[in-house]
PDB file of all heavy atoms in Angstrom:
ATOM      1  N   GLU A   1      54.792  59.048 -23.489  1.00  0.00           N
ATOM      2  CA  GLU A   1      54.809  57.835 -22.942  1.00  0.00           C
ATOM      3  C   GLU A   1      56.168  57.303 -22.508  1.00  0.00           C
ATOM      4  O   GLU A   1      57.217  57.500 -23.258  1.00  0.00           O
ATOM      5  CB  GLU A   1      54.320  56.787 -24.017  1.00  0.00           C
ATOM      6  CG  GLU A   1      54.042  55.355 -23.307  1.00  0.00           C
ATOM      7  CD  GLU A   1      53.575  54.385 -24.373  1.00  0.00           C
ATOM      8  OE1 GLU A   1      54.419  53.759 -25.209  1.00  0.00           O
ATOM      9  OE2 GLU A   1      52.301  54.132 -24.456  1.00  0.00           O
ATOM     10  N   ILE A   2      56.246  56.864 -21.298  1.00  0.00           N
ATOM     11  CA  ILE A   2      57.560  56.413 -20.703  1.00  0.00           C
ATOM     12  C   ILE A   2      57.435  54.899 -20.499  1.00  0.00           C
ATOM     13  O   ILE A   2      56.405  54.439 -19.910  1.00  0.00           O
ATOM     14  CB  ILE A   2      57.880  57.051 -19.349  1.00  0.00           C
ATOM     15  CG1 ILE A   2      57.997  58.647 -19.587  1.00  0.00           C
ATOM     16  CG2 ILE A   2      59.121  56.663 -18.693  1.00  0.00           C
ATOM     17  CD1 ILE A   2      58.049  59.393 -18.335  1.00  0.00           C
ATOM     18  N   THR A   3      58.381  54.161 -20.988  1.00  0.00           N
ATOM     19  CA  THR A   3      58.345  52.676 -20.806  1.00  0.00           C
ATOM     20  C   THR A   3      59.625  52.268 -19.934  1.00  0.00           C
ATOM     21  O   THR A   3      60.740  52.762 -20.189  1.00  0.00           O
ATOM     22  CB  THR A   3      58.524  51.992 -22.198  1.00  0.00           C
ATOM     23  OG1 THR A   3      57.369  52.377 -22.983  1.00  0.00           O
ATOM     24  CG2 THR A   3      58.439  50.443 -21.978  1.00  0.00           C
ATOM     25  N   VAL A   4      59.380  51.555 -18.907  1.00  0.00           N
ATOM     26  CA  VAL A   4      60.312  51.189 -17.955  1.00  0.00           C
ATOM     27  C   VAL A   4      60.528  49.581 -18.096  1.00  0.00           C
ATOM     28  O   VAL A   4      59.485  48.796 -17.935  1.00  0.00           O
ATOM     29  CB  VAL A   4      60.088  51.549 -16.501  1.00  0.00           C
ATOM     30  CG1 VAL A   4      61.167  51.105 -15.596  1.00  0.00           C
ATOM     31  CG2 VAL A   4      59.784  53.052 -16.344  1.00  0.00           C
ATOM     32  N   GLU A   5      61.644  49.056 -18.347  1.00  0.00           N
ATOM     33  CA  GLU A   5      61.926  47.663 -18.360  1.00  0.00           C
ATOM     34  C   GLU A   5      62.933  47.200 -17.336  1.00  0.00           C
ATOM     35  O   GLU A   5      64.039  47.869 -17.242  1.00  0.00           O
ATOM     36  CB  GLU A   5      62.338  47.244 -19.828  1.00  0.00           C
ATOM     37  CG  GLU A   5      61.219  47.399 -20.850  1.00  0.00           C
ATOM     38  CD  GLU A   5      61.659  46.905 -22.218  1.00  0.00           C
ATOM     39  OE1 GLU A   5      62.679  46.210 -22.247  1.00  0.00           O
ATOM     40  OE2 GLU A   5      61.092  47.321 -23.223  1.00  0.00           O
ATOM     41  N   GLY A   6      62.705  46.130 -16.755  1.00  0.00           N
ATOM     42  CA  GLY A   6      63.665  45.603 -15.747  1.00  0.00           C
ATOM     43  C   GLY A   6      63.044  44.587 -14.844  1.00  0.00           C
ATOM     44  O   GLY A   6      61.894  44.173 -15.017  1.00  0.00           O
ATOM     45  N   GLU A   7      63.792  44.223 -13.801  1.00  0.00           N
ATOM     46  CA  GLU A   7      63.299  43.247 -12.821  1.00  0.00           C
ATOM     47  C   GLU A   7      61.960  43.874 -12.155  1.00  0.00           C
ATOM     48  O   GLU A   7      61.877  44.998 -11.918  1.00  0.00           O
ATOM     49  CB  GLU A   7      64.336  43.056 -11.735  1.00  0.00           C
ATOM     50  CG  GLU A   7      64.034  42.023 -10.681  1.00  0.00           C
ATOM     51  CD  GLU A   7      63.263  42.541  -9.514  1.00  0.00           C
ATOM     52  OE1 GLU A   7      63.606  43.633  -9.052  1.00  0.00           O
ATOM     53  OE2 GLU A   7      62.339  41.848  -8.977  1.00  0.00           O
ATOM     54  N   GLY A   8      61.086  42.954 -11.951  1.00  0.00           N
ATOM     55  CA  GLY A   8      59.716  43.329 -11.590  1.00  0.00           C
ATOM     56  C   GLY A   8      59.577  44.411 -10.499  1.00  0.00           C
ATOM     57  O   GLY A   8      59.029  45.474 -10.865  1.00  0.00           O
ATOM     58  N   ARG A   9      60.125  44.248  -9.340  1.00  0.00           N
ATOM     59  CA  ARG A   9      59.933  45.210  -8.273  1.00  0.00           C
ATOM     60  C   ARG A   9      60.596  46.545  -8.589  1.00  0.00           C
ATOM     61  O   ARG A   9      60.090  47.578  -8.398  1.00  0.00           O
ATOM     62  CB  ARG A   9      60.520  44.624  -6.996  1.00  0.00           C
ATOM     63  CG  ARG A   9      60.290  45.556  -5.705  1.00  0.00           C
ATOM     64  CD  ARG A   9      60.348  44.806  -4.539  1.00  0.00           C
ATOM     65  NE  ARG A   9      60.347  45.723  -3.326  1.00  0.00           N
ATOM     66  CZ  ARG A   9      59.161  46.279  -2.887  1.00  0.00           C
ATOM     67  NH1 ARG A   9      58.033  46.155  -3.550  1.00  0.00           N
ATOM     68  NH2 ARG A   9      59.239  47.056  -1.849  1.00  0.00           N
ATOM     69  N   GLU A  10      61.784  46.516  -9.200  1.00  0.00           N
ATOM     70  CA  GLU A  10      62.513  47.744  -9.569  1.00  0.00           C
ATOM     71  C   GLU A  10      61.759  48.525 -10.620  1.00  0.00           C
ATOM     72  O   GLU A  10      61.552  49.718 -10.533  1.00  0.00           O
ATOM     73  CB  GLU A  10      63.924  47.383 -10.007  1.00  0.00           C
ATOM     74  CG  GLU A  10      64.913  47.065  -8.868  1.00  0.00           C
ATOM     75  CD  GLU A  10      65.089  48.237  -7.942  1.00  0.00           C
ATOM     76  OE1 GLU A  10      66.069  49.052  -8.273  1.00  0.00           O
ATOM     77  OE2 GLU A  10      64.451  48.374  -6.916  1.00  0.00           O
ATOM     78  N   ALA A  11      61.273  47.797 -11.703  1.00  0.00           N
ATOM     79  CA  ALA A  11      60.508  48.439 -12.774  1.00  0.00           C
ATOM     80  C   ALA A  11      59.278  49.057 -12.250  1.00  0.00           C
ATOM     81  O   ALA A  11      58.873  50.290 -12.587  1.00  0.00           O
ATOM     82  CB  ALA A  11      60.222  47.512 -13.809  1.00  0.00           C
ATOM     83  N   GLU A  12      58.505  48.388 -11.268  1.00  0.00           N
ATOM     84  CA  GLU A  12      57.354  48.939 -10.703  1.00  0.00           C
ATOM     85  C   GLU A  12      57.642  50.176  -9.844  1.00  0.00           C
ATOM     86  O   GLU A  12      56.838  51.156  -9.774  1.00  0.00           O
ATOM     87  CB  GLU A  12      56.669  47.882  -9.871  1.00  0.00           C
ATOM     88  CG  GLU A  12      56.008  46.772 -10.740  1.00  0.00           C
ATOM     89  CD  GLU A  12      55.510  45.628  -9.867  1.00  0.00           C
ATOM     90  OE1 GLU A  12      55.572  45.664  -8.675  1.00  0.00           O
ATOM     91  OE2 GLU A  12      55.015  44.691 -10.418  1.00  0.00           O
ATOM     92  N   ARG A  13      58.863  50.185  -9.143  1.00  0.00           N
ATOM     93  CA  ARG A  13      59.212  51.371  -8.373  1.00  0.00           C
ATOM     94  C   ARG A  13      59.432  52.571  -9.254  1.00  0.00           C
ATOM     95  O   ARG A  13      59.029  53.603  -8.891  1.00  0.00           O
ATOM     96  CB  ARG A  13      60.440  51.081  -7.580  1.00  0.00           C
ATOM     97  CG  ARG A  13      60.109  50.340  -6.232  1.00  0.00           C
ATOM     98  CD  ARG A  13      61.421  50.101  -5.469  1.00  0.00           C
ATOM     99  NE  ARG A  13      61.205  49.618  -4.143  1.00  0.00           N
ATOM    100  CZ  ARG A  13      62.131  49.171  -3.300  1.00  0.00           C
ATOM    101  NH1 ARG A  13      63.364  49.070  -3.680  1.00  0.00           N
ATOM    102  NH2 ARG A  13      61.859  48.741  -2.129  1.00  0.00           N
ATOM    103  N   VAL A  14      60.176  52.300 -10.360  1.00  0.00           N
ATOM    104  CA  VAL A  14      60.367  53.471 -11.230  1.00  0.00           C
ATOM    105  C   VAL A  14      59.094  54.009 -11.810  1.00  0.00           C
ATOM    106  O   VAL A  14      58.915  55.175 -11.987  1.00  0.00           O
ATOM    107  CB  VAL A  14      61.402  53.065 -12.378  1.00  0.00           C
ATOM    108  CG1 VAL A  14      61.552  54.134 -13.307  1.00  0.00           C
ATOM    109  CG2 VAL A  14      62.728  52.636 -11.749  1.00  0.00           C
ATOM    110  N   GLY A  15      58.168  52.979 -12.244  1.00  0.00           N
ATOM    111  CA  GLY A  15      56.892  53.433 -12.636  1.00  0.00           C
ATOM    112  C   GLY A  15      56.188  54.294 -11.568  1.00  0.00           C
ATOM    113  O   GLY A  15      55.554  55.369 -11.989  1.00  0.00           O
ATOM    114  N   LYS A  16      56.229  53.851 -10.364  1.00  0.00           N
ATOM    115  CA  LYS A  16      55.579  54.600  -9.271  1.00  0.00           C
ATOM    116  C   LYS A  16      56.164  55.926  -9.024  1.00  0.00           C
ATOM    117  O   LYS A  16      55.524  56.963  -8.845  1.00  0.00           O
ATOM    118  CB  LYS A  16      55.614  53.803  -8.019  1.00  0.00           C
ATOM    119  CG  LYS A  16      54.934  54.436  -6.741  1.00  0.00           C
ATOM    120  CD  LYS A  16      53.526  54.371  -6.924  1.00  0.00           C
ATOM    121  CE  LYS A  16      52.836  54.922  -5.742  1.00  0.00           C
ATOM    122  NZ  LYS A  16      51.295  54.993  -5.898  1.00  0.00           N
ATOM    123  N   LEU A  17      57.528  56.008  -9.138  1.00  0.00           N
ATOM    124  CA  LEU A  17      58.281  57.299  -9.090  1.00  0.00           C
ATOM    125  C   LEU A  17      57.749  58.259 -10.103  1.00  0.00           C
ATOM    126  O   LEU A  17      57.489  59.476  -9.693  1.00  0.00           O
ATOM    127  CB  LEU A  17      59.768  57.069  -9.187  1.00  0.00           C
ATOM    128  CG  LEU A  17      60.676  58.315  -9.227  1.00  0.00           C
ATOM    129  CD1 LEU A  17      60.575  58.994  -7.889  1.00  0.00           C
ATOM    130  CD2 LEU A  17      62.044  57.958  -9.577  1.00  0.00           C
ATOM    131  N   PHE A  18      57.726  57.944 -11.406  1.00  0.00           N
ATOM    132  CA  PHE A  18      57.189  58.806 -12.474  1.00  0.00           C
ATOM    133  C   PHE A  18      55.777  59.222 -12.205  1.00  0.00           C
ATOM    134  O   PHE A  18      55.501  60.461 -12.382  1.00  0.00           O
ATOM    135  CB  PHE A  18      57.360  58.214 -13.826  1.00  0.00           C
ATOM    136  CG  PHE A  18      58.766  58.249 -14.399  1.00  0.00           C
ATOM    137  CD1 PHE A  18      59.518  57.024 -14.645  1.00  0.00           C
ATOM    138  CD2 PHE A  18      59.364  59.442 -14.574  1.00  0.00           C
ATOM    139  CE1 PHE A  18      60.751  57.163 -15.086  1.00  0.00           C
ATOM    140  CE2 PHE A  18      60.632  59.530 -15.122  1.00  0.00           C
ATOM    141  CZ  PHE A  18      61.358  58.385 -15.338  1.00  0.00           C
ATOM    142  N   GLU A  19      54.980  58.310 -11.693  1.00  0.00           N
ATOM    143  CA  GLU A  19      53.611  58.710 -11.412  1.00  0.00           C
ATOM    144  C   GLU A  19      53.577  59.764 -10.322  1.00  0.00           C
ATOM    145  O   GLU A  19      52.739  60.745 -10.402  1.00  0.00           O
ATOM    146  CB  GLU A  19      52.782  57.494 -10.934  1.00  0.00           C
ATOM    147  CG  GLU A  19      52.449  56.518 -12.148  1.00  0.00           C
ATOM    148  CD  GLU A  19      51.832  55.240 -11.603  1.00  0.00           C
ATOM    149  OE1 GLU A  19      51.634  55.111 -10.483  1.00  0.00           O
ATOM    150  OE2 GLU A  19      51.526  54.457 -12.511  1.00  0.00           O
ATOM    151  N   GLU A  20      54.416  59.594  -9.236  1.00  0.00           N
ATOM    152  CA  GLU A  20      54.516  60.608  -8.232  1.00  0.00           C
ATOM    153  C   GLU A  20      55.014  61.891  -8.572  1.00  0.00           C
ATOM    154  O   GLU A  20      54.504  62.931  -8.254  1.00  0.00           O
ATOM    155  CB  GLU A  20      55.287  60.055  -7.000  1.00  0.00           C
ATOM    156  CG  GLU A  20      54.714  58.789  -6.284  1.00  0.00           C
ATOM    157  CD  GLU A  20      53.571  59.361  -5.368  1.00  0.00           C
ATOM    158  OE1 GLU A  20      53.764  60.255  -4.643  1.00  0.00           O
ATOM    159  OE2 GLU A  20      52.394  58.849  -5.506  1.00  0.00           O
ATOM    160  N   MET A  21      56.029  61.852  -9.582  1.00  0.00           N
ATOM    161  CA  MET A  21      56.519  63.150  -9.995  1.00  0.00           C
ATOM    162  C   MET A  21      55.494  63.820 -10.890  1.00  0.00           C
ATOM    163  O   MET A  21      55.489  65.083 -10.810  1.00  0.00           O
ATOM    164  CB  MET A  21      57.826  62.813 -10.883  1.00  0.00           C
ATOM    165  CG  MET A  21      58.977  62.355 -10.052  1.00  0.00           C
ATOM    166  SD  MET A  21      60.324  61.553 -10.998  1.00  0.00           S
ATOM    167  CE  MET A  21      60.895  62.928 -12.015  1.00  0.00           C
ATOM    168  N   VAL A  22      54.690  63.080 -11.669  1.00  0.00           N
ATOM    169  CA  VAL A  22      53.629  63.841 -12.339  1.00  0.00           C
ATOM    170  C   VAL A  22      52.617  64.480 -11.385  1.00  0.00           C
ATOM    171  O   VAL A  22      52.179  65.513 -11.645  1.00  0.00           O
ATOM    172  CB  VAL A  22      52.834  62.762 -13.286  1.00  0.00           C
ATOM    173  CG1 VAL A  22      51.618  63.371 -13.909  1.00  0.00           C
ATOM    174  CG2 VAL A  22      53.798  62.369 -14.442  1.00  0.00           C
ATOM    175  N   SER A  23      52.268  63.667 -10.309  1.00  0.00           N
ATOM    176  CA  SER A  23      51.351  64.174  -9.300  1.00  0.00           C
ATOM    177  C   SER A  23      51.988  65.580  -8.707  1.00  0.00           C
ATOM    178  O   SER A  23      51.184  66.525  -8.473  1.00  0.00           O
ATOM    179  CB  SER A  23      51.114  63.211  -8.206  1.00  0.00           C
ATOM    180  OG  SER A  23      50.381  62.128  -8.668  1.00  0.00           O
ATOM    181  N   LEU A  24      53.208  65.591  -8.474  1.00  0.00           N
ATOM    182  CA  LEU A  24      53.853  66.781  -7.898  1.00  0.00           C
ATOM    183  C   LEU A  24      53.772  67.954  -8.813  1.00  0.00           C
ATOM    184  O   LEU A  24      53.461  69.093  -8.496  1.00  0.00           O
ATOM    185  CB  LEU A  24      55.311  66.544  -7.547  1.00  0.00           C
ATOM    186  CG  LEU A  24      55.542  65.600  -6.320  1.00  0.00           C
ATOM    187  CD1 LEU A  24      57.013  65.144  -6.230  1.00  0.00           C
ATOM    188  CD2 LEU A  24      55.182  66.308  -5.021  1.00  0.00           C
ATOM    189  N   LEU A  25      54.020  67.632 -10.117  1.00  0.00           N
ATOM    190  CA  LEU A  25      53.970  68.737 -11.204  1.00  0.00           C
ATOM    191  C   LEU A  25      52.509  69.265 -11.297  1.00  0.00           C
ATOM    192  O   LEU A  25      52.299  70.491 -11.371  1.00  0.00           O
ATOM    193  CB  LEU A  25      54.392  68.202 -12.525  1.00  0.00           C
ATOM    194  CG  LEU A  25      55.933  68.010 -12.620  1.00  0.00           C
ATOM    195  CD1 LEU A  25      56.184  67.236 -13.956  1.00  0.00           C
ATOM    196  CD2 LEU A  25      56.635  69.235 -12.689  1.00  0.00           C
ATOM    197  N   GLU A  26      51.504  68.295 -11.281  1.00  0.00           N
ATOM    198  CA  GLU A  26      50.112  68.767 -11.309  1.00  0.00           C
ATOM    199  C   GLU A  26      49.674  69.606 -10.161  1.00  0.00           C
ATOM    200  O   GLU A  26      48.773  70.330 -10.231  1.00  0.00           O
ATOM    201  CB  GLU A  26      49.230  67.532 -11.512  1.00  0.00           C
ATOM    202  CG  GLU A  26      49.397  66.855 -12.801  1.00  0.00           C
ATOM    203  CD  GLU A  26      48.576  65.561 -13.020  1.00  0.00           C
ATOM    204  OE1 GLU A  26      48.294  64.851 -12.057  1.00  0.00           O
ATOM    205  OE2 GLU A  26      48.010  65.405 -14.169  1.00  0.00           O
ATOM    206  N   ALA A  27      50.373  69.296  -8.984  1.00  0.00           N
ATOM    207  CA  ALA A  27      50.083  70.134  -7.783  1.00  0.00           C
ATOM    208  C   ALA A  27      50.761  71.445  -7.754  1.00  0.00           C
ATOM    209  O   ALA A  27      50.702  72.253  -6.758  1.00  0.00           O
ATOM    210  CB  ALA A  27      50.453  69.320  -6.541  1.00  0.00           C
ATOM    211  N   GLY A  28      51.485  71.765  -8.821  1.00  0.00           N
ATOM    212  CA  GLY A  28      52.303  73.081  -8.896  1.00  0.00           C
ATOM    213  C   GLY A  28      53.642  73.086  -8.468  1.00  0.00           C
ATOM    214  O   GLY A  28      54.207  74.118  -8.269  1.00  0.00           O
ATOM    215  N   GLN A  29      54.204  71.880  -8.061  1.00  0.00           N
ATOM    216  CA  GLN A  29      55.582  71.741  -7.577  1.00  0.00           C
ATOM    217  C   GLN A  29      56.572  71.713  -8.692  1.00  0.00           C
ATOM    218  O   GLN A  29      56.351  70.884  -9.572  1.00  0.00           O
ATOM    219  CB  GLN A  29      55.714  70.431  -6.632  1.00  0.00           C
ATOM    220  CG  GLN A  29      54.957  70.619  -5.362  1.00  0.00           C
ATOM    221  CD  GLN A  29      55.782  71.057  -4.254  1.00  0.00           C
ATOM    222  OE1 GLN A  29      56.616  71.886  -4.408  1.00  0.00           O
ATOM    223  NE2 GLN A  29      55.727  70.362  -3.112  1.00  0.00           N
ATOM    224  N   ALA A  30      57.624  72.459  -8.605  1.00  0.00           N
ATOM    225  CA  ALA A  30      58.707  72.338  -9.557  1.00  0.00           C
ATOM    226  C   ALA A  30      59.651  71.218  -9.095  1.00  0.00           C
ATOM    227  O   ALA A  30      59.879  71.058  -7.956  1.00  0.00           O
ATOM    228  CB  ALA A  30      59.446  73.670  -9.659  1.00  0.00           C
ATOM    229  N   LEU A  31      60.167  70.518 -10.130  1.00  0.00           N
ATOM    230  CA  LEU A  31      61.096  69.371  -9.826  1.00  0.00           C
ATOM    231  C   LEU A  31      62.464  69.881 -10.092  1.00  0.00           C
ATOM    232  O   LEU A  31      62.720  70.549 -11.154  1.00  0.00           O
ATOM    233  CB  LEU A  31      60.698  68.179 -10.644  1.00  0.00           C
ATOM    234  CG  LEU A  31      59.366  67.531 -10.461  1.00  0.00           C
ATOM    235  CD1 LEU A  31      59.161  66.354 -11.335  1.00  0.00           C
ATOM    236  CD2 LEU A  31      59.242  67.049  -8.929  1.00  0.00           C
ATOM    237  N   ASP A  32      63.383  69.483  -9.242  1.00  0.00           N
ATOM    238  CA  ASP A  32      64.814  69.747  -9.418  1.00  0.00           C
ATOM    239  C   ASP A  32      65.630  68.462  -9.019  1.00  0.00           C
ATOM    240  O   ASP A  32      64.979  67.608  -8.357  1.00  0.00           O
ATOM    241  CB  ASP A  32      65.301  70.989  -8.780  1.00  0.00           C
ATOM    242  CG  ASP A  32      65.061  70.923  -7.215  1.00  0.00           C
ATOM    243  OD1 ASP A  32      65.142  69.845  -6.700  1.00  0.00           O
ATOM    244  OD2 ASP A  32      64.857  71.968  -6.665  1.00  0.00           O
ATOM    245  N   PRO A  33      66.924  68.439  -9.356  1.00  0.00           N
ATOM    246  CA  PRO A  33      67.680  67.119  -8.907  1.00  0.00           C
ATOM    247  C   PRO A  33      67.527  66.920  -7.401  1.00  0.00           C
ATOM    248  O   PRO A  33      67.506  65.598  -7.010  1.00  0.00           O
ATOM    249  CB  PRO A  33      69.088  67.438  -9.335  1.00  0.00           C
ATOM    250  CG  PRO A  33      68.858  68.410 -10.441  1.00  0.00           C
ATOM    251  CD  PRO A  33      67.747  69.237 -10.122  1.00  0.00           C
ATOM    252  N   ALA A  34      67.407  67.856  -6.542  1.00  0.00           N
ATOM    253  CA  ALA A  34      67.478  67.576  -5.097  1.00  0.00           C
ATOM    254  C   ALA A  34      66.137  66.903  -4.727  1.00  0.00           C
ATOM    255  O   ALA A  34      66.186  65.895  -3.984  1.00  0.00           O
ATOM    256  CB  ALA A  34      67.579  68.964  -4.302  1.00  0.00           C
ATOM    257  N   ASN A  35      65.036  67.533  -5.143  1.00  0.00           N
ATOM    258  CA  ASN A  35      63.669  66.880  -4.699  1.00  0.00           C
ATOM    259  C   ASN A  35      63.451  65.623  -5.465  1.00  0.00           C
ATOM    260  O   ASN A  35      62.678  64.755  -4.839  1.00  0.00           O
ATOM    261  CB  ASN A  35      62.558  67.893  -4.628  1.00  0.00           C
ATOM    262  CG  ASN A  35      62.249  68.523  -5.931  1.00  0.00           C
ATOM    263  OD1 ASN A  35      62.478  67.933  -6.989  1.00  0.00           O
ATOM    264  ND2 ASN A  35      61.636  69.659  -5.955  1.00  0.00           N
ATOM    265  N   VAL A  36      63.940  65.452  -6.559  1.00  0.00           N
ATOM    266  CA  VAL A  36      63.816  64.087  -7.330  1.00  0.00           C
ATOM    267  C   VAL A  36      64.653  63.090  -6.503  1.00  0.00           C
ATOM    268  O   VAL A  36      64.169  61.907  -6.388  1.00  0.00           O
ATOM    269  CB  VAL A  36      64.245  64.190  -8.703  1.00  0.00           C
ATOM    270  CG1 VAL A  36      64.382  62.818  -9.439  1.00  0.00           C
ATOM    271  CG2 VAL A  36      63.218  64.982  -9.572  1.00  0.00           C
ATOM    272  N   GLY A  37      65.892  63.429  -6.087  1.00  0.00           N
ATOM    273  CA  GLY A  37      66.556  62.545  -5.256  1.00  0.00           C
ATOM    274  C   GLY A  37      65.927  62.181  -3.991  1.00  0.00           C
ATOM    275  O   GLY A  37      65.898  60.887  -3.629  1.00  0.00           O
ATOM    276  N   ARG A  38      65.305  63.103  -3.362  1.00  0.00           N
ATOM    277  CA  ARG A  38      64.601  62.781  -2.083  1.00  0.00           C
ATOM    278  C   ARG A  38      63.248  61.990  -2.399  1.00  0.00           C
ATOM    279  O   ARG A  38      62.920  60.980  -1.665  1.00  0.00           O
ATOM    280  CB  ARG A  38      64.080  64.047  -1.420  1.00  0.00           C
ATOM    281  CG  ARG A  38      65.156  64.931  -0.797  1.00  0.00           C
ATOM    282  CD  ARG A  38      64.757  66.084  -0.237  1.00  0.00           C
ATOM    283  NE  ARG A  38      65.886  67.193  -0.019  1.00  0.00           N
ATOM    284  CZ  ARG A  38      65.895  68.363  -0.514  1.00  0.00           C
ATOM    285  NH1 ARG A  38      64.854  68.765  -1.335  1.00  0.00           N
ATOM    286  NH2 ARG A  38      66.931  69.079  -0.394  1.00  0.00           N
ATOM    287  N   SER A  39      62.692  62.225  -3.639  1.00  0.00           N
ATOM    288  CA  SER A  39      61.565  61.343  -3.875  1.00  0.00           C
ATOM    289  C   SER A  39      61.926  59.862  -4.222  1.00  0.00           C
ATOM    290  O   SER A  39      61.157  58.972  -3.892  1.00  0.00           O
ATOM    291  CB  SER A  39      60.896  61.997  -5.260  1.00  0.00           C
ATOM    292  OG  SER A  39      60.324  63.226  -4.989  1.00  0.00           O
ATOM    293  N   ILE A  40      63.200  59.747  -4.804  1.00  0.00           N
ATOM    294  CA  ILE A  40      63.589  58.357  -4.986  1.00  0.00           C
ATOM    295  C   ILE A  40      63.838  57.648  -3.745  1.00  0.00           C
ATOM    296  O   ILE A  40      63.379  56.437  -3.553  1.00  0.00           O
ATOM    297  CB  ILE A  40      64.954  58.441  -5.817  1.00  0.00           C
ATOM    298  CG1 ILE A  40      64.702  58.939  -7.281  1.00  0.00           C
ATOM    299  CG2 ILE A  40      65.692  57.147  -5.805  1.00  0.00           C
ATOM    300  CD1 ILE A  40      65.898  59.274  -7.987  1.00  0.00           C
ATOM    301  N   ASP A  41      64.428  58.355  -2.748  1.00  0.00           N
ATOM    302  CA  ASP A  41      64.600  57.709  -1.443  1.00  0.00           C
ATOM    303  C   ASP A  41      63.270  57.343  -0.778  1.00  0.00           C
ATOM    304  O   ASP A  41      63.051  56.243  -0.196  1.00  0.00           O
ATOM    305  CB  ASP A  41      65.291  58.700  -0.452  1.00  0.00           C
ATOM    306  CG  ASP A  41      66.730  58.867  -0.790  1.00  0.00           C
ATOM    307  OD1 ASP A  41      67.337  58.007  -1.482  1.00  0.00           O
ATOM    308  OD2 ASP A  41      67.419  59.867  -0.315  1.00  0.00           O
ATOM    309  N   MET A  42      62.267  58.198  -1.034  1.00  0.00           N
ATOM    310  CA  MET A  42      60.983  57.941  -0.422  1.00  0.00           C
ATOM    311  C   MET A  42      60.240  56.696  -1.088  1.00  0.00           C
ATOM    312  O   MET A  42      59.731  55.793  -0.442  1.00  0.00           O
ATOM    313  CB  MET A  42      60.048  59.145  -0.454  1.00  0.00           C
ATOM    314  CG  MET A  42      60.322  60.244   0.472  1.00  0.00           C
ATOM    315  SD  MET A  42      59.095  61.651   0.420  1.00  0.00           S
ATOM    316  CE  MET A  42      60.276  62.968  -0.158  1.00  0.00           C
ATOM    317  N   VAL A  43      60.371  56.690  -2.356  1.00  0.00           N
ATOM    318  CA  VAL A  43      59.657  55.604  -3.189  1.00  0.00           C
ATOM    319  C   VAL A  43      60.400  54.248  -2.839  1.00  0.00           C
ATOM    320  O   VAL A  43      59.726  53.242  -2.596  1.00  0.00           O
ATOM    321  CB  VAL A  43      59.832  55.818  -4.667  1.00  0.00           C
ATOM    322  CG1 VAL A  43      59.399  54.505  -5.491  1.00  0.00           C
ATOM    323  CG2 VAL A  43      58.801  56.892  -5.126  1.00  0.00           C
ATOM    324  N   LYS A  44      61.713  54.260  -2.640  1.00  0.00           N
ATOM    325  CA  LYS A  44      62.501  53.018  -2.171  1.00  0.00           C
ATOM    326  C   LYS A  44      61.994  52.660  -0.839  1.00  0.00           C
ATOM    327  O   LYS A  44      62.084  51.418  -0.450  1.00  0.00           O
ATOM    328  CB  LYS A  44      64.034  53.273  -2.294  1.00  0.00           C
ATOM    329  CG  LYS A  44      64.472  53.360  -3.671  1.00  0.00           C
ATOM    330  CD  LYS A  44      66.058  53.538  -3.661  1.00  0.00           C
ATOM    331  CE  LYS A  44      66.542  53.472  -5.103  1.00  0.00           C
ATOM    332  NZ  LYS A  44      67.983  53.539  -5.172  1.00  0.00           N
ATOM    333  N   ALA A  45      61.550  53.561   0.032  1.00  0.00           N
ATOM    334  CA  ALA A  45      61.041  53.281   1.361  1.00  0.00           C
ATOM    335  C   ALA A  45      59.504  53.109   1.389  1.00  0.00           C
ATOM    336  O   ALA A  45      58.995  53.063   2.477  1.00  0.00           O
ATOM    337  CB  ALA A  45      61.375  54.295   2.390  1.00  0.00           C
ATOM    338  N   ASP A  46      58.935  52.972   0.225  1.00  0.00           N
ATOM    339  CA  ASP A  46      57.463  52.805   0.078  1.00  0.00           C
ATOM    340  C   ASP A  46      56.647  53.877   0.677  1.00  0.00           C
ATOM    341  O   ASP A  46      55.633  53.681   1.292  1.00  0.00           O
ATOM    342  CB  ASP A  46      57.059  51.428   0.744  1.00  0.00           C
ATOM    343  CG  ASP A  46      57.568  50.217  -0.056  1.00  0.00           C
ATOM    344  OD1 ASP A  46      57.651  50.290  -1.414  1.00  0.00           O
ATOM    345  OD2 ASP A  46      57.946  49.215   0.564  1.00  0.00           O
TER     346      ASP A  46
END
């Protein structure tokens, strides 16, 4: 279980990011700092 606390929109973005990262892992994608960084940029751009 991951708990994120903070200002509403930012906390929701981080929650969404972890959900997306889980989806990538379930699809067989390996995560590394580079594609996590790109995922962060994408989540920030909705």
